[in-house]
Amino acid sequence: ILVGRWAKGLLIATGKVLLDREMDHPVVDEIRELLEIPDDPAETR
């Protein structure tokens, strides 16, 4: 059971990278904050 739990965690971590599931990473929100500035007269989105 202990080994299986470790294997499951490793499968999830490596599978996430292989499938490019990164849109929940903090850098995504940081990119949005840089480009979508509040009260921007150009209304860049």
ModelCIF file with pLDDT and N, C-alpha, C, O atoms, coordinates in Angstrom:
data_MODEL
#
_entry.id   MODEL 
#
_entity.id                         1 
_entity.type                       polymer 
_entity.pdbx_number_of_molecules   1 
#
_entity_poly.entity_id                      1 
_entity_poly.type                           'polypeptide(L)' 
_entity_poly.nstd_linkage                   no 
_entity_poly.nstd_monomer                   no 
_entity_poly.pdbx_seq_one_letter_code       ILVGRWAKGLLIATGKVLLDREMDHPVVDEIRELLEIPDDPAETR 
_entity_poly.pdbx_seq_one_letter_code_can   ILVGRWAKGLLIATGKVLLDREMDHPVVDEIRELLEIPDDPAETR 
_entity_poly.pdbx_strand_id                 A 
#
loop_
_entity_poly_seq.entity_id 
_entity_poly_seq.num 
_entity_poly_seq.mon_id 
_entity_poly_seq.hetero 
1 1  ILE n 
1 2  LEU n 
1 3  VAL n 
1 4  GLY n 
1 5  ARG n 
1 6  TRP n 
1 7  ALA n 
1 8  LYS n 
1 9  GLY n 
1 10 LEU n 
1 11 LEU n 
1 12 ILE n 
1 13 ALA n 
1 14 THR n 
1 15 GLY n 
1 16 LYS n 
1 17 VAL n 
1 18 LEU n 
1 19 LEU n 
1 20 ASP n 
1 21 ARG n 
1 22 GLU n 
1 23 MET n 
1 24 ASP n 
1 25 HIS n 
1 26 PRO n 
1 27 VAL n 
1 28 VAL n 
1 29 ASP n 
1 30 GLU n 
1 31 ILE n 
1 32 ARG n 
1 33 GLU n 
1 34 LEU n 
1 35 LEU n 
1 36 GLU n 
1 37 ILE n 
1 38 PRO n 
1 39 ASP n 
1 40 ASP n 
1 41 PRO n 
1 42 ALA n 
1 43 GLU n 
1 44 THR n 
1 45 ARG n 
#
_struct_asym.id          A 
_struct_asym.entity_id   1 
#
loop_
_ma_qa_metric.id 
_ma_qa_metric.mode 
_ma_qa_metric.name 
_ma_qa_metric.software_group_id 
_ma_qa_metric.type 
1 global pLDDT . pLDDT 
2 local  pLDDT . pLDDT 
#
_ma_qa_metric_global.metric_id      1 
_ma_qa_metric_global.metric_value   90.44 
_ma_qa_metric_global.model_id       1 
_ma_qa_metric_global.ordinal_id     1 
#
loop_
_ma_qa_metric_local.label_asym_id 
_ma_qa_metric_local.label_comp_id 
_ma_qa_metric_local.label_seq_id 
_ma_qa_metric_local.metric_id 
_ma_qa_metric_local.metric_value 
_ma_qa_metric_local.model_id 
_ma_qa_metric_local.ordinal_id 
A ILE 1  2 90.00 1 1  
A LEU 2  2 88.00 1 2  
A VAL 3  2 86.00 1 3  
A GLY 4  2 89.00 1 4  
A ARG 5  2 90.00 1 5  
A TRP 6  2 90.00 1 6  
A ALA 7  2 90.00 1 7  
A LYS 8  2 92.00 1 8  
A GLY 9  2 91.00 1 9  
A LEU 10 2 91.00 1 10 
A LEU 11 2 94.00 1 11 
A ILE 12 2 93.00 1 12 
A ALA 13 2 91.00 1 13 
A THR 14 2 93.00 1 14 
A GLY 15 2 93.00 1 15 
A LYS 16 2 92.00 1 16 
A VAL 17 2 92.00 1 17 
A LEU 18 2 93.00 1 18 
A LEU 19 2 93.00 1 19 
A ASP 20 2 92.00 1 20 
A ARG 21 2 91.00 1 21 
A GLU 22 2 90.00 1 22 
A MET 23 2 91.00 1 23 
A ASP 24 2 90.00 1 24 
A HIS 25 2 90.00 1 25 
A PRO 26 2 91.00 1 26 
A VAL 27 2 91.00 1 27 
A VAL 28 2 93.00 1 28 
A ASP 29 2 92.00 1 29 
A GLU 30 2 92.00 1 30 
A ILE 31 2 93.00 1 31 
A ARG 32 2 92.00 1 32 
A GLU 33 2 91.00 1 33 
A LEU 34 2 89.00 1 34 
A LEU 35 2 90.00 1 35 
A GLU 36 2 91.00 1 36 
A ILE 37 2 87.00 1 37 
A PRO 38 2 86.00 1 38 
A ASP 39 2 86.00 1 39 
A ASP 40 2 85.00 1 40 
A PRO 41 2 87.00 1 41 
A ALA 42 2 87.00 1 42 
A GLU 43 2 88.00 1 43 
A THR 44 2 92.00 1 44 
A ARG 45 2 92.00 1 45 
#
loop_
_atom_site.group_PDB 
_atom_site.id 
_atom_site.type_symbol 
_atom_site.label_atom_id 
_atom_site.label_alt_id 
_atom_site.label_comp_id 
_atom_site.label_asym_id 
_atom_site.label_entity_id 
_atom_site.label_seq_id 
_atom_site.pdbx_PDB_ins_code 
_atom_site.Cartn_x 
_atom_site.Cartn_y 
_atom_site.Cartn_z 
_atom_site.occupancy 
_atom_site.B_iso_or_equiv 
_atom_site.pdbx_formal_charge 
_atom_site.auth_seq_id 
_atom_site.auth_comp_id 
_atom_site.auth_asym_id 
_atom_site.auth_atom_id 
_atom_site.pdbx_PDB_model_num 
ATOM 1   N N  . ILE A 1 1  ? 0.839  -1.207 0.000   1.00 90.00 ? 1  ILE A N  1 
ATOM 2   C CA . ILE A 1 1  ? 0.000  0.000  0.000   1.00 90.00 ? 1  ILE A CA 1 
ATOM 3   C C  . ILE A 1 1  ? 0.873  1.256  0.000   1.00 90.00 ? 1  ILE A C  1 
ATOM 4   O O  . ILE A 1 1  ? 0.606  2.216  -0.722  1.00 90.00 ? 1  ILE A O  1 
ATOM 5   N N  . LEU A 1 2  ? 1.922  1.227  0.826   1.00 88.00 ? 2  LEU A N  1 
ATOM 6   C CA . LEU A 1 2  ? 2.835  2.374  0.905   1.00 88.00 ? 2  LEU A CA 1 
ATOM 7   C C  . LEU A 1 2  ? 3.524  2.606  -0.443  1.00 88.00 ? 2  LEU A C  1 
ATOM 8   O O  . LEU A 1 2  ? 3.581  3.734  -0.933  1.00 88.00 ? 2  LEU A O  1 
ATOM 9   N N  . VAL A 1 3  ? 4.041  1.539  -1.031  1.00 86.00 ? 3  VAL A N  1 
ATOM 10  C CA . VAL A 1 3  ? 4.717  1.647  -2.325  1.00 86.00 ? 3  VAL A CA 1 
ATOM 11  C C  . VAL A 1 3  ? 3.741  2.102  -3.403  1.00 86.00 ? 3  VAL A C  1 
ATOM 12  O O  . VAL A 1 3  ? 4.097  2.909  -4.262  1.00 86.00 ? 3  VAL A O  1 
ATOM 13  N N  . GLY A 1 4  ? 2.517  1.591  -3.361  1.00 89.00 ? 4  GLY A N  1 
ATOM 14  C CA . GLY A 1 4  ? 1.508  1.970  -4.351  1.00 89.00 ? 4  GLY A CA 1 
ATOM 15  C C  . GLY A 1 4  ? 1.168  3.455  -4.291  1.00 89.00 ? 4  GLY A C  1 
ATOM 16  O O  . GLY A 1 4  ? 0.968  4.097  -5.322  1.00 89.00 ? 4  GLY A O  1 
ATOM 17  N N  . ARG A 1 5  ? 1.104  3.993  -3.076  1.00 90.00 ? 5  ARG A N  1 
ATOM 18  C CA . ARG A 1 5  ? 0.825  5.426  -2.928  1.00 90.00 ? 5  ARG A CA 1 
ATOM 19  C C  . ARG A 1 5  ? 1.965  6.260  -3.513  1.00 90.00 ? 5  ARG A C  1 
ATOM 20  O O  . ARG A 1 5  ? 1.723  7.264  -4.182  1.00 90.00 ? 5  ARG A O  1 
ATOM 21  N N  . TRP A 1 6  ? 3.198  5.845  -3.261  1.00 90.00 ? 6  TRP A N  1 
ATOM 22  C CA . TRP A 1 6  ? 4.342  6.559  -3.835  1.00 90.00 ? 6  TRP A CA 1 
ATOM 23  C C  . TRP A 1 6  ? 4.311  6.486  -5.361  1.00 90.00 ? 6  TRP A C  1 
ATOM 24  O O  . TRP A 1 6  ? 4.554  7.480  -6.046  1.00 90.00 ? 6  TRP A O  1 
ATOM 25  N N  . ALA A 1 7  ? 4.008  5.300  -5.881  1.00 90.00 ? 7  ALA A N  1 
ATOM 26  C CA . ALA A 1 7  ? 3.957  5.126  -7.340  1.00 90.00 ? 7  ALA A CA 1 
ATOM 27  C C  . ALA A 1 7  ? 2.866  5.988  -7.957  1.00 90.00 ? 7  ALA A C  1 
ATOM 28  O O  . ALA A 1 7  ? 3.055  6.572  -9.023  1.00 90.00 ? 7  ALA A O  1 
ATOM 29  N N  . LYS A 1 8  ? 1.720  6.065  -7.280  1.00 92.00 ? 8  LYS A N  1 
ATOM 30  C CA . LYS A 1 8  ? 0.617  6.890  -7.787  1.00 92.00 ? 8  LYS A CA 1 
ATOM 31  C C  . LYS A 1 8  ? 1.029  8.355  -7.855  1.00 92.00 ? 8  LYS A C  1 
ATOM 32  O O  . LYS A 1 8  ? 0.772  9.024  -8.856  1.00 92.00 ? 8  LYS A O  1 
ATOM 33  N N  . GLY A 1 9  ? 1.666  8.859  -6.800  1.00 91.00 ? 9  GLY A N  1 
ATOM 34  C CA . GLY A 1 9  ? 2.107  10.255 -6.795  1.00 91.00 ? 9  GLY A CA 1 
ATOM 35  C C  . GLY A 1 9  ? 3.096  10.547 -7.906  1.00 91.00 ? 9  GLY A C  1 
ATOM 36  O O  . GLY A 1 9  ? 3.030  11.594 -8.549  1.00 91.00 ? 9  GLY A O  1 
ATOM 37  N N  . LEU A 1 10 ? 4.014  9.617  -8.131  1.00 91.00 ? 10 LEU A N  1 
ATOM 38  C CA . LEU A 1 10 ? 5.008  9.803  -9.187  1.00 91.00 ? 10 LEU A CA 1 
ATOM 39  C C  . LEU A 1 10 ? 4.361  9.736  -10.568 1.00 91.00 ? 10 LEU A C  1 
ATOM 40  O O  . LEU A 1 10 ? 4.737  10.495 -11.461 1.00 91.00 ? 10 LEU A O  1 
ATOM 41  N N  . LEU A 1 11 ? 3.400  8.845  -10.754 1.00 94.00 ? 11 LEU A N  1 
ATOM 42  C CA . LEU A 1 11 ? 2.687  8.760  -12.028 1.00 94.00 ? 11 LEU A CA 1 
ATOM 43  C C  . LEU A 1 11 ? 1.943  10.057 -12.336 1.00 94.00 ? 11 LEU A C  1 
ATOM 44  O O  . LEU A 1 11 ? 1.944  10.526 -13.474 1.00 94.00 ? 11 LEU A O  1 
ATOM 45  N N  . ILE A 1 12 ? 1.310  10.630 -11.319 1.00 93.00 ? 12 ILE A N  1 
ATOM 46  C CA . ILE A 1 12 ? 0.577  11.878 -11.515 1.00 93.00 ? 12 ILE A CA 1 
ATOM 47  C C  . ILE A 1 12 ? 1.534  13.010 -11.866 1.00 93.00 ? 12 ILE A C  1 
ATOM 48  O O  . ILE A 1 12 ? 1.271  13.790 -12.781 1.00 93.00 ? 12 ILE A O  1 
ATOM 49  N N  . ALA A 1 13 ? 2.660  13.102 -11.130 1.00 91.00 ? 13 ALA A N  1 
ATOM 50  C CA . ALA A 1 13 ? 3.612  14.190 -11.355 1.00 91.00 ? 13 ALA A CA 1 
ATOM 51  C C  . ALA A 1 13 ? 4.237  14.110 -12.738 1.00 91.00 ? 13 ALA A C  1 
ATOM 52  O O  . ALA A 1 13 ? 4.330  15.123 -13.431 1.00 91.00 ? 13 ALA A O  1 
ATOM 53  N N  . THR A 1 14 ? 4.666  12.923 -13.152 1.00 93.00 ? 14 THR A N  1 
ATOM 54  C CA . THR A 1 14 ? 5.287  12.783 -14.466 1.00 93.00 ? 14 THR A CA 1 
ATOM 55  C C  . THR A 1 14 ? 4.254  12.868 -15.588 1.00 93.00 ? 14 THR A C  1 
ATOM 56  O O  . THR A 1 14 ? 4.525  13.449 -16.639 1.00 93.00 ? 14 THR A O  1 
ATOM 57  N N  . GLY A 1 15 ? 3.079  12.295 -15.370 1.00 93.00 ? 15 GLY A N  1 
ATOM 58  C CA . GLY A 1 15 ? 2.030  12.368 -16.385 1.00 93.00 ? 15 GLY A CA 1 
ATOM 59  C C  . GLY A 1 15 ? 1.576  13.794 -16.639 1.00 93.00 ? 15 GLY A C  1 
ATOM 60  O O  . GLY A 1 15 ? 1.269  14.158 -17.773 1.00 93.00 ? 15 GLY A O  1 
ATOM 61  N N  . LYS A 1 16 ? 1.532  14.597 -15.593 1.00 92.00 ? 16 LYS A N  1 
ATOM 62  C CA . LYS A 1 16 ? 1.163  16.005 -15.730 1.00 92.00 ? 16 LYS A CA 1 
ATOM 63  C C  . LYS A 1 16 ? 2.122  16.739 -16.660 1.00 92.00 ? 16 LYS A C  1 
ATOM 64  O O  . LYS A 1 16 ? 1.695  17.550 -17.483 1.00 92.00 ? 16 LYS A O  1 
ATOM 65  N N  . VAL A 1 17 ? 3.414  16.457 -16.531 1.00 92.00 ? 17 VAL A N  1 
ATOM 66  C CA . VAL A 1 17 ? 4.412  17.107 -17.389 1.00 92.00 ? 17 VAL A CA 1 
ATOM 67  C C  . VAL A 1 17 ? 4.300  16.591 -18.818 1.00 92.00 ? 17 VAL A C  1 
ATOM 68  O O  . VAL A 1 17 ? 4.342  17.375 -19.766 1.00 92.00 ? 17 VAL A O  1 
ATOM 69  N N  . LEU A 1 18 ? 4.158  15.281 -18.977 1.00 93.00 ? 18 LEU A N  1 
ATOM 70  C CA . LEU A 1 18 ? 4.095  14.699 -20.315 1.00 93.00 ? 18 LEU A CA 1 
ATOM 71  C C  . LEU A 1 18 ? 2.866  15.166 -21.087 1.00 93.00 ? 18 LEU A C  1 
ATOM 72  O O  . LEU A 1 18 ? 2.902  15.268 -22.313 1.00 93.00 ? 18 LEU A O  1 
ATOM 73  N N  . LEU A 1 19 ? 1.780  15.449 -20.375 1.00 93.00 ? 19 LEU A N  1 
ATOM 74  C CA . LEU A 1 19 ? 0.542  15.896 -21.017 1.00 93.00 ? 19 LEU A CA 1 
ATOM 75  C C  . LEU A 1 19 ? 0.416  17.412 -21.054 1.00 93.00 ? 19 LEU A C  1 
ATOM 76  O O  . LEU A 1 19 ? -0.617 17.941 -21.465 1.00 93.00 ? 19 LEU A O  1 
ATOM 77  N N  . ASP A 1 20 ? 1.475  18.125 -20.621 1.00 92.00 ? 20 ASP A N  1 
ATOM 78  C CA . ASP A 1 20 ? 1.503  19.593 -20.640 1.00 92.00 ? 20 ASP A CA 1 
ATOM 79  C C  . ASP A 1 20 ? 0.351  20.205 -19.849 1.00 92.00 ? 20 ASP A C  1 
ATOM 80  O O  . ASP A 1 20 ? -0.238 21.199 -20.275 1.00 92.00 ? 20 ASP A O  1 
ATOM 81  N N  . ARG A 1 21 ? 0.033  19.622 -18.711 1.00 91.00 ? 21 ARG A N  1 
ATOM 82  C CA . ARG A 1 21 ? -1.023 20.177 -17.864 1.00 91.00 ? 21 ARG A CA 1 
ATOM 83  C C  . ARG A 1 21 ? -0.396 21.171 -16.896 1.00 91.00 ? 21 ARG A C  1 
ATOM 84  O O  . ARG A 1 21 ? -0.134 20.856 -15.735 1.00 91.00 ? 21 ARG A O  1 
ATOM 85  N N  . GLU A 1 22 ? -0.164 22.378 -17.401 1.00 90.00 ? 22 GLU A N  1 
ATOM 86  C CA . GLU A 1 22 ? 0.531  23.392 -16.616 1.00 90.00 ? 22 GLU A CA 1 
ATOM 87  C C  . GLU A 1 22 ? -0.286 24.673 -16.429 1.00 90.00 ? 22 GLU A C  1 
ATOM 88  O O  . GLU A 1 22 ? 0.216  25.647 -15.868 1.00 90.00 ? 22 GLU A O  1 
ATOM 89  N N  . MET A 1 23 ? -1.533 24.680 -16.891 1.00 91.00 ? 23 MET A N  1 
ATOM 90  C CA . MET A 1 23 ? -2.299 25.923 -16.853 1.00 91.00 ? 23 MET A CA 1 
ATOM 91  C C  . MET A 1 23 ? -2.771 26.305 -15.454 1.00 91.00 ? 23 MET A C  1 
ATOM 92  O O  . MET A 1 23 ? -3.411 27.342 -15.278 1.00 91.00 ? 23 MET A O  1 
ATOM 93  N N  . ASP A 1 24 ? -2.461 25.474 -14.458 1.00 90.00 ? 24 ASP A N  1 
ATOM 94  C CA . ASP A 1 24 ? -2.752 25.846 -13.071 1.00 90.00 ? 24 ASP A CA 1 
ATOM 95  C C  . ASP A 1 24 ? -1.495 26.306 -12.341 1.00 90.00 ? 24 ASP A C  1 
ATOM 96  O O  . ASP A 1 24 ? -1.525 26.515 -11.128 1.00 90.00 ? 24 ASP A O  1 
ATOM 97  N N  . HIS A 1 25 ? -0.389 26.466 -13.069 1.00 90.00 ? 25 HIS A N  1 
ATOM 98  C CA . HIS A 1 25 ? 0.853  26.928 -12.457 1.00 90.00 ? 25 HIS A CA 1 
ATOM 99  C C  . HIS A 1 25 ? 0.772  28.433 -12.196 1.00 90.00 ? 25 HIS A C  1 
ATOM 100 O O  . HIS A 1 25 ? 0.139  29.151 -12.970 1.00 90.00 ? 25 HIS A O  1 
ATOM 101 N N  . PRO A 1 26 ? 1.404  28.928 -11.113 1.00 91.00 ? 26 PRO A N  1 
ATOM 102 C CA . PRO A 1 26 ? 1.335  30.366 -10.804 1.00 91.00 ? 26 PRO A CA 1 
ATOM 103 C C  . PRO A 1 26 ? 1.825  31.271 -11.924 1.00 91.00 ? 26 PRO A C  1 
ATOM 104 O O  . PRO A 1 26 ? 1.378  32.414 -12.024 1.00 91.00 ? 26 PRO A O  1 
ATOM 105 N N  . VAL A 1 27 ? 2.727  30.794 -12.766 1.00 91.00 ? 27 VAL A N  1 
ATOM 106 C CA . VAL A 1 27 ? 3.253  31.651 -13.831 1.00 91.00 ? 27 VAL A CA 1 
ATOM 107 C C  . VAL A 1 27 ? 2.159  32.053 -14.821 1.00 91.00 ? 27 VAL A C  1 
ATOM 108 O O  . VAL A 1 27 ? 2.269  33.093 -15.471 1.00 91.00 ? 27 VAL A O  1 
ATOM 109 N N  . VAL A 1 28 ? 1.114  31.248 -14.941 1.00 93.00 ? 28 VAL A N  1 
ATOM 110 C CA . VAL A 1 28 ? -0.004 31.576 -15.840 1.00 93.00 ? 28 VAL A CA 1 
ATOM 111 C C  . VAL A 1 28 ? -0.716 32.834 -15.349 1.00 93.00 ? 28 VAL A C  1 
ATOM 112 O O  . VAL A 1 28 ? -0.978 33.750 -16.129 1.00 93.00 ? 28 VAL A O  1 
ATOM 113 N N  . ASP A 1 29 ? -1.024 32.875 -14.060 1.00 92.00 ? 29 ASP A N  1 
ATOM 114 C CA . ASP A 1 29 ? -1.678 34.063 -13.493 1.00 92.00 ? 29 ASP A CA 1 
ATOM 115 C C  . ASP A 1 29 ? -0.755 35.275 -13.558 1.00 92.00 ? 29 ASP A C  1 
ATOM 116 O O  . ASP A 1 29 ? -1.215 36.401 -13.746 1.00 92.00 ? 29 ASP A O  1 
ATOM 117 N N  . GLU A 1 30 ? 0.539  35.046 -13.405 1.00 92.00 ? 30 GLU A N  1 
ATOM 118 C CA . GLU A 1 30 ? 1.488  36.158 -13.458 1.00 92.00 ? 30 GLU A CA 1 
ATOM 119 C C  . GLU A 1 30 ? 1.544  36.769 -14.855 1.00 92.00 ? 30 GLU A C  1 
ATOM 120 O O  . GLU A 1 30 ? 1.671  37.985 -15.000 1.00 92.00 ? 30 GLU A O  1 
ATOM 121 N N  . ILE A 1 31 ? 1.451  35.931 -15.875 1.00 93.00 ? 31 ILE A N  1 
ATOM 122 C CA . ILE A 1 31 ? 1.417  36.441 -17.249 1.00 93.00 ? 31 ILE A CA 1 
ATOM 123 C C  . ILE A 1 31 ? 0.162  37.285 -17.461 1.00 93.00 ? 31 ILE A C  1 
ATOM 124 O O  . ILE A 1 31 ? 0.219  38.350 -18.076 1.00 93.00 ? 31 ILE A O  1 
ATOM 125 N N  . ARG A 1 32 ? -0.961 36.809 -16.953 1.00 92.00 ? 32 ARG A N  1 
ATOM 126 C CA . ARG A 1 32 ? -2.211 37.567 -17.087 1.00 92.00 ? 32 ARG A CA 1 
ATOM 127 C C  . ARG A 1 32 ? -2.117 38.912 -16.370 1.00 92.00 ? 32 ARG A C  1 
ATOM 128 O O  . ARG A 1 32 ? -2.572 39.930 -16.893 1.00 92.00 ? 32 ARG A O  1 
ATOM 129 N N  . GLU A 1 33 ? -1.531 38.917 -15.183 1.00 91.00 ? 33 GLU A N  1 
ATOM 130 C CA . GLU A 1 33 ? -1.398 40.166 -14.432 1.00 91.00 ? 33 GLU A CA 1 
ATOM 131 C C  . GLU A 1 33 ? -0.521 41.176 -15.171 1.00 91.00 ? 33 GLU A C  1 
ATOM 132 O O  . GLU A 1 33 ? -0.764 42.381 -15.111 1.00 91.00 ? 33 GLU A O  1 
ATOM 133 N N  . LEU A 1 34 ? 0.498  40.677 -15.866 1.00 89.00 ? 34 LEU A N  1 
ATOM 134 C CA . LEU A 1 34 ? 1.392  41.569 -16.592 1.00 89.00 ? 34 LEU A CA 1 
ATOM 135 C C  . LEU A 1 34 ? 0.719  42.209 -17.802 1.00 89.00 ? 34 LEU A C  1 
ATOM 136 O O  . LEU A 1 34 ? 1.010  43.356 -18.144 1.00 89.00 ? 34 LEU A O  1 
ATOM 137 N N  . LEU A 1 35 ? -0.171 41.476 -18.442 1.00 90.00 ? 35 LEU A N  1 
ATOM 138 C CA . LEU A 1 35 ? -0.741 41.943 -19.705 1.00 90.00 ? 35 LEU A CA 1 
ATOM 139 C C  . LEU A 1 35 ? -2.117 42.568 -19.545 1.00 90.00 ? 35 LEU A C  1 
ATOM 140 O O  . LEU A 1 35 ? -2.456 43.497 -20.278 1.00 90.00 ? 35 LEU A O  1 
ATOM 141 N N  . GLU A 1 36 ? -2.903 42.087 -18.618 1.00 91.00 ? 36 GLU A N  1 
ATOM 142 C CA . GLU A 1 36 ? -4.244 42.631 -18.407 1.00 91.00 ? 36 GLU A CA 1 
ATOM 143 C C  . GLU A 1 36 ? -4.216 43.560 -17.204 1.00 91.00 ? 36 GLU A C  1 
ATOM 144 O O  . GLU A 1 36 ? -4.600 43.183 -16.096 1.00 91.00 ? 36 GLU A O  1 
ATOM 145 N N  . ILE A 1 37 ? -3.755 44.780 -17.443 1.00 87.00 ? 37 ILE A N  1 
ATOM 146 C CA . ILE A 1 37 ? -3.587 45.767 -16.370 1.00 87.00 ? 37 ILE A CA 1 
ATOM 147 C C  . ILE A 1 37 ? -4.917 46.471 -16.106 1.00 87.00 ? 37 ILE A C  1 
ATOM 148 O O  . ILE A 1 37 ? -5.548 46.942 -17.052 1.00 87.00 ? 37 ILE A O  1 
ATOM 149 N N  . PRO A 1 38 ? -5.364 46.558 -14.846 1.00 86.00 ? 38 PRO A N  1 
ATOM 150 C CA . PRO A 1 38 ? -6.618 47.253 -14.539 1.00 86.00 ? 38 PRO A CA 1 
ATOM 151 C C  . PRO A 1 38 ? -6.568 48.721 -14.976 1.00 86.00 ? 38 PRO A C  1 
ATOM 152 O O  . PRO A 1 38 ? -5.525 49.370 -14.898 1.00 86.00 ? 38 PRO A O  1 
ATOM 153 N N  . ASP A 1 39 ? -7.685 49.216 -15.422 1.00 86.00 ? 39 ASP A N  1 
ATOM 154 C CA . ASP A 1 39 ? -7.828 50.619 -15.841 1.00 86.00 ? 39 ASP A CA 1 
ATOM 155 C C  . ASP A 1 39 ? -6.893 50.973 -17.003 1.00 86.00 ? 39 ASP A C  1 
ATOM 156 O O  . ASP A 1 39 ? -6.517 52.133 -17.171 1.00 86.00 ? 39 ASP A O  1 
ATOM 157 N N  . ASP A 1 40 ? -6.527 49.985 -17.787 1.00 85.00 ? 40 ASP A N  1 
ATOM 158 C CA . ASP A 1 40 ? -5.686 50.229 -18.956 1.00 85.00 ? 40 ASP A CA 1 
ATOM 159 C C  . ASP A 1 40 ? -6.550 50.867 -20.052 1.00 85.00 ? 40 ASP A C  1 
ATOM 160 O O  . ASP A 1 40 ? -7.525 50.255 -20.487 1.00 85.00 ? 40 ASP A O  1 
ATOM 161 N N  . PRO A 1 41 ? -6.216 52.077 -20.505 1.00 87.00 ? 41 PRO A N  1 
ATOM 162 C CA . PRO A 1 41 ? -7.047 52.713 -21.549 1.00 87.00 ? 41 PRO A CA 1 
ATOM 163 C C  . PRO A 1 41 ? -7.048 51.938 -22.853 1.00 87.00 ? 41 PRO A C  1 
ATOM 164 O O  . PRO A 1 41 ? -7.997 52.040 -23.632 1.00 87.00 ? 41 PRO A O  1 
ATOM 165 N N  . ALA A 1 42 ? -5.998 51.165 -23.104 1.00 87.00 ? 42 ALA A N  1 
ATOM 166 C CA . ALA A 1 42 ? -5.953 50.372 -24.332 1.00 87.00 ? 42 ALA A CA 1 
ATOM 167 C C  . ALA A 1 42 ? -6.794 49.109 -24.227 1.00 87.00 ? 42 ALA A C  1 
ATOM 168 O O  . ALA A 1 42 ? -7.063 48.456 -25.235 1.00 87.00 ? 42 ALA A O  1 
ATOM 169 N N  . GLU A 1 43 ? -7.214 48.757 -23.003 1.00 88.00 ? 43 GLU A N  1 
ATOM 170 C CA . GLU A 1 43 ? -8.037 47.569 -22.764 1.00 88.00 ? 43 GLU A CA 1 
ATOM 171 C C  . GLU A 1 43 ? -7.422 46.326 -23.401 1.00 88.00 ? 43 GLU A C  1 
ATOM 172 O O  . GLU A 1 43 ? -8.112 45.557 -24.071 1.00 88.00 ? 43 GLU A O  1 
ATOM 173 N N  . THR A 1 44 ? -6.130 46.137 -23.190 1.00 92.00 ? 44 THR A N  1 
ATOM 174 C CA . THR A 1 44 ? -5.438 44.964 -23.719 1.00 92.00 ? 44 THR A CA 1 
ATOM 175 C C  . THR A 1 44 ? -5.906 43.719 -22.971 1.00 92.00 ? 44 THR A C  1 
ATOM 176 O O  . THR A 1 44 ? -5.918 43.683 -21.740 1.00 92.00 ? 44 THR A O  1 
ATOM 177 N N  . ARG A 1 45 ? -6.290 42.709 -23.732 1.00 92.00 ? 45 ARG A N  1 
ATOM 178 C CA . ARG A 1 45 ? -6.812 41.472 -23.138 1.00 92.00 ? 45 ARG A CA 1 
ATOM 179 C C  . ARG A 1 45 ? -6.158 40.258 -23.794 1.00 92.00 ? 45 ARG A C  1 
ATOM 180 O O  . ARG A 1 45 ? -6.464 39.121 -23.433 1.00 92.00 ? 45 ARG A O  1 
#
